[in-house]
Amino acid sequence: MSHFQELSEFKRGTVIGCHLCNKSICEISLLLNIPWSTVSGIITRRKQLGTTATQPQSEWGQHILKCTVRRSHQLSAESIAKDLQTLCGLQISTTTVHRELHRMGFHG
């Protein structure tokens, strides 16, 4: 399961509003009671992409896949697919896992 809770669109907008009012990242973090790294990420995403929207689920799946492989290099694509289905509820085939690992530079 995920260890985070996605911020609402309103709260992300509030972060940007505070930033536009020249509040520091630390001040915004304390004011809204959210981690400074989250505040920084929202501001950076807004500057770079022009939006505060979060990443699509597919990108989170890729992130989880990469972390899983880095923790244990000996896992097969089949066992990784089963782990992702069990732990995260992601429906992913062994072929997709193999293809994504290859695309990310993990060759085996």
C-alpha atoms as a PDB file:
ATOM      1  CA  MET A   1       0.000   0.000   0.000  1.00  0.00           C
ATOM      2  CA  SER A   2       1.040   3.596  -0.522  1.00  0.00           C
ATOM      3  CA  HIS A   3       2.503   5.558   2.345  1.00  0.00           C
ATOM      4  CA  PHE A   4       1.135   8.862   1.131  1.00  0.00           C
ATOM      5  CA  GLN A   5      -2.156  10.613   0.742  1.00  0.00           C
ATOM      6  CA  GLU A   6      -2.601  12.781  -2.329  1.00  0.00           C
ATOM      7  CA  LEU A   7      -3.225  16.448  -1.612  1.00  0.00           C
ATOM      8  CA  SER A   8      -6.480  17.902  -2.830  1.00  0.00           C
ATOM      9  CA  GLU A   9      -6.475  20.293  -5.759  1.00  0.00           C
ATOM     10  CA  PHE A  10      -7.555  23.036  -3.345  1.00  0.00           C
ATOM     11  CA  LYS A  11      -4.587  22.440  -1.036  1.00  0.00           C
ATOM     12  CA  ARG A  12      -2.148  22.421  -3.979  1.00  0.00           C
ATOM     13  CA  GLY A  13      -3.716  25.702  -5.138  1.00  0.00           C
ATOM     14  CA  THR A  14      -3.306  27.116  -1.648  1.00  0.00           C
ATOM     15  CA  VAL A  15       0.407  26.247  -1.776  1.00  0.00           C
ATOM     16  CA  ILE A  16       0.746  28.135  -5.070  1.00  0.00           C
ATOM     17  CA  GLY A  17      -1.257  31.059  -3.680  1.00  0.00           C
ATOM     18  CA  CYS A  18       1.035  31.320  -0.673  1.00  0.00           C
ATOM     19  CA  HIS A  19       4.062  31.096  -2.955  1.00  0.00           C
ATOM     20  CA  LEU A  20       2.710  33.918  -5.110  1.00  0.00           C
ATOM     21  CA  CYS A  21       2.313  35.986  -1.909  1.00  0.00           C
ATOM     22  CA  ASN A  22       6.070  35.593  -1.364  1.00  0.00           C
ATOM     23  CA  LYS A  23       5.838  33.082   1.490  1.00  0.00           C
ATOM     24  CA  SER A  24       8.900  30.855   1.852  1.00  0.00           C
ATOM     25  CA  ILE A  25       8.678  27.098   1.432  1.00  0.00           C
ATOM     26  CA  CYS A  26       9.250  26.684   5.179  1.00  0.00           C
ATOM     27  CA  GLU A  27       6.503  29.182   6.020  1.00  0.00           C
ATOM     28  CA  ILE A  28       4.047  27.470   3.667  1.00  0.00           C
ATOM     29  CA  SER A  29       4.940  24.089   5.136  1.00  0.00           C
ATOM     30  CA  LEU A  30       4.290  25.261   8.683  1.00  0.00           C
ATOM     31  CA  LEU A  31       1.148  27.180   7.757  1.00  0.00           C
ATOM     32  CA  LEU A  32      -0.496  24.272   5.891  1.00  0.00           C
ATOM     33  CA  ASN A  33       1.029  21.475   8.000  1.00  0.00           C
ATOM     34  CA  ILE A  34       2.493  19.589   5.037  1.00  0.00           C
ATOM     35  CA  PRO A  35       6.135  18.531   4.490  1.00  0.00           C
ATOM     36  CA  TRP A  36       8.422  21.140   2.952  1.00  0.00           C
ATOM     37  CA  SER A  37       9.487  18.610   0.312  1.00  0.00           C
ATOM     38  CA  THR A  38       5.857  18.379  -0.822  1.00  0.00           C
ATOM     39  CA  VAL A  39       5.569  22.161  -0.945  1.00  0.00           C
ATOM     40  CA  SER A  40       8.785  22.376  -2.941  1.00  0.00           C
ATOM     41  CA  GLY A  41       7.603  19.666  -5.340  1.00  0.00           C
ATOM     42  CA  ILE A  42       4.303  21.444  -5.982  1.00  0.00           C
ATOM     43  CA  ILE A  43       6.039  24.753  -6.673  1.00  0.00           C
ATOM     44  CA  THR A  44       8.654  23.133  -8.906  1.00  0.00           C
ATOM     45  CA  ARG A  45       6.018  21.182 -10.857  1.00  0.00           C
ATOM     46  CA  ARG A  46       4.039  24.414 -11.365  1.00  0.00           C
ATOM     47  CA  LYS A  47       7.127  26.247 -12.643  1.00  0.00           C
ATOM     48  CA  GLN A  48       8.268  23.456 -14.964  1.00  0.00           C
ATOM     49  CA  LEU A  49       4.960  22.073 -16.223  1.00  0.00           C
ATOM     50  CA  GLY A  50       2.517  24.888 -15.586  1.00  0.00           C
ATOM     51  CA  THR A  51       0.297  22.594 -13.531  1.00  0.00           C
ATOM     52  CA  THR A  52       0.050  21.262  -9.995  1.00  0.00           C
ATOM     53  CA  ALA A  53      -1.521  17.964 -11.055  1.00  0.00           C
ATOM     54  CA  THR A  54       0.051  14.795  -9.698  1.00  0.00           C
ATOM     55  CA  GLN A  55       1.749  12.145 -11.801  1.00  0.00           C
ATOM     56  CA  PRO A  56      -0.436   9.618 -13.582  1.00  0.00           C
ATOM     57  CA  GLN A  57      -0.681   6.214 -11.909  1.00  0.00           C
ATOM     58  CA  SER A  58       1.419   4.613 -14.656  1.00  0.00           C
ATOM     59  CA  GLU A  59       4.396   6.736 -13.609  1.00  0.00           C
ATOM     60  CA  TRP A  60       3.943   5.703  -9.975  1.00  0.00           C
ATOM     61  CA  GLY A  61       3.874   2.083 -11.126  1.00  0.00           C
ATOM     62  CA  GLN A  62       7.169   2.596 -12.933  1.00  0.00           C
ATOM     63  CA  HIS A  63       8.657   4.197  -9.832  1.00  0.00           C
ATOM     64  CA  ILE A  64       7.539   1.265  -7.668  1.00  0.00           C
ATOM     65  CA  LEU A  65       8.897  -1.188 -10.220  1.00  0.00           C
ATOM     66  CA  LYS A  66      12.290   0.522 -10.268  1.00  0.00           C
ATOM     67  CA  CYS A  67      12.492   0.562  -6.451  1.00  0.00           C
ATOM     68  CA  THR A  68      11.532  -3.115  -6.271  1.00  0.00           C
ATOM     69  CA  VAL A  69      14.279  -4.132  -8.688  1.00  0.00           C
ATOM     70  CA  ARG A  70      16.911  -2.032  -6.953  1.00  0.00           C
ATOM     71  CA  ARG A  71      16.105  -3.720  -3.631  1.00  0.00           C
ATOM     72  CA  SER A  72      16.371  -7.240  -5.011  1.00  0.00           C
ATOM     73  CA  HIS A  73      18.188  -7.841  -8.289  1.00  0.00           C
ATOM     74  CA  GLN A  74      17.458 -11.590  -8.322  1.00  0.00           C
ATOM     75  CA  LEU A  75      13.662 -11.404  -8.729  1.00  0.00           C
ATOM     76  CA  SER A  76      12.093 -12.747 -11.910  1.00  0.00           C
ATOM     77  CA  ALA A  77       9.661 -10.647 -13.959  1.00  0.00           C
ATOM     78  CA  GLU A  78       6.889 -13.069 -12.956  1.00  0.00           C
ATOM     79  CA  SER A  79       7.527 -12.674  -9.224  1.00  0.00           C
ATOM     80  CA  ILE A  80       7.751  -8.882  -9.578  1.00  0.00           C
ATOM     81  CA  ALA A  81       4.396  -8.822 -11.411  1.00  0.00           C
ATOM     82  CA  LYS A  82       2.801 -10.922  -8.659  1.00  0.00           C
ATOM     83  CA  ASP A  83       4.289  -8.685  -5.943  1.00  0.00           C
ATOM     84  CA  LEU A  84       2.987  -5.528  -7.622  1.00  0.00           C
ATOM     85  CA  GLN A  85      -0.471  -7.073  -7.977  1.00  0.00           C
ATOM     86  CA  THR A  86      -0.528  -8.156  -4.348  1.00  0.00           C
ATOM     87  CA  LEU A  87       1.039  -5.136  -2.678  1.00  0.00           C
ATOM     88  CA  CYS A  88      -0.192  -2.257  -4.829  1.00  0.00           C
ATOM     89  CA  GLY A  89      -3.242  -3.594  -6.590  1.00  0.00           C
ATOM     90  CA  LEU A  90      -1.596  -2.902  -9.954  1.00  0.00           C
ATOM     91  CA  GLN A  91      -2.776  -5.228 -12.703  1.00  0.00           C
ATOM     92  CA  ILE A  92       0.410  -5.811 -14.671  1.00  0.00           C
ATOM     93  CA  SER A  93       1.491  -8.711 -16.847  1.00  0.00           C
ATOM     94  CA  THR A  94       4.862 -10.428 -16.769  1.00  0.00           C
ATOM     95  CA  THR A  95       5.483  -9.241 -20.340  1.00  0.00           C
ATOM     96  CA  THR A  96       4.855  -5.630 -19.325  1.00  0.00           C
ATOM     97  CA  VAL A  97       7.229  -5.952 -16.371  1.00  0.00           C
ATOM     98  CA  HIS A  98       9.911  -7.428 -18.628  1.00  0.00           C
ATOM     99  CA  ARG A  99       9.412  -4.711 -21.275  1.00  0.00           C
ATOM    100  CA  GLU A 100       9.492  -1.873 -18.681  1.00  0.00           C
ATOM    101  CA  LEU A 101      12.601  -3.273 -16.988  1.00  0.00           C
ATOM    102  CA  HIS A 102      14.343  -3.440 -20.362  1.00  0.00           C
ATOM    103  CA  ARG A 103      13.239   0.123 -21.180  1.00  0.00           C
ATOM    104  CA  MET A 104      14.585   1.336 -17.806  1.00  0.00           C
ATOM    105  CA  GLY A 105      17.969  -0.219 -18.547  1.00  0.00           C
ATOM    106  CA  PHE A 106      17.698  -3.374 -16.441  1.00  0.00           C
ATOM    107  CA  HIS A 107      18.854  -6.208 -18.686  1.00  0.00           C
ATOM    108  CA  GLY A 108      18.978  -9.782 -17.577  1.00  0.00           C
END
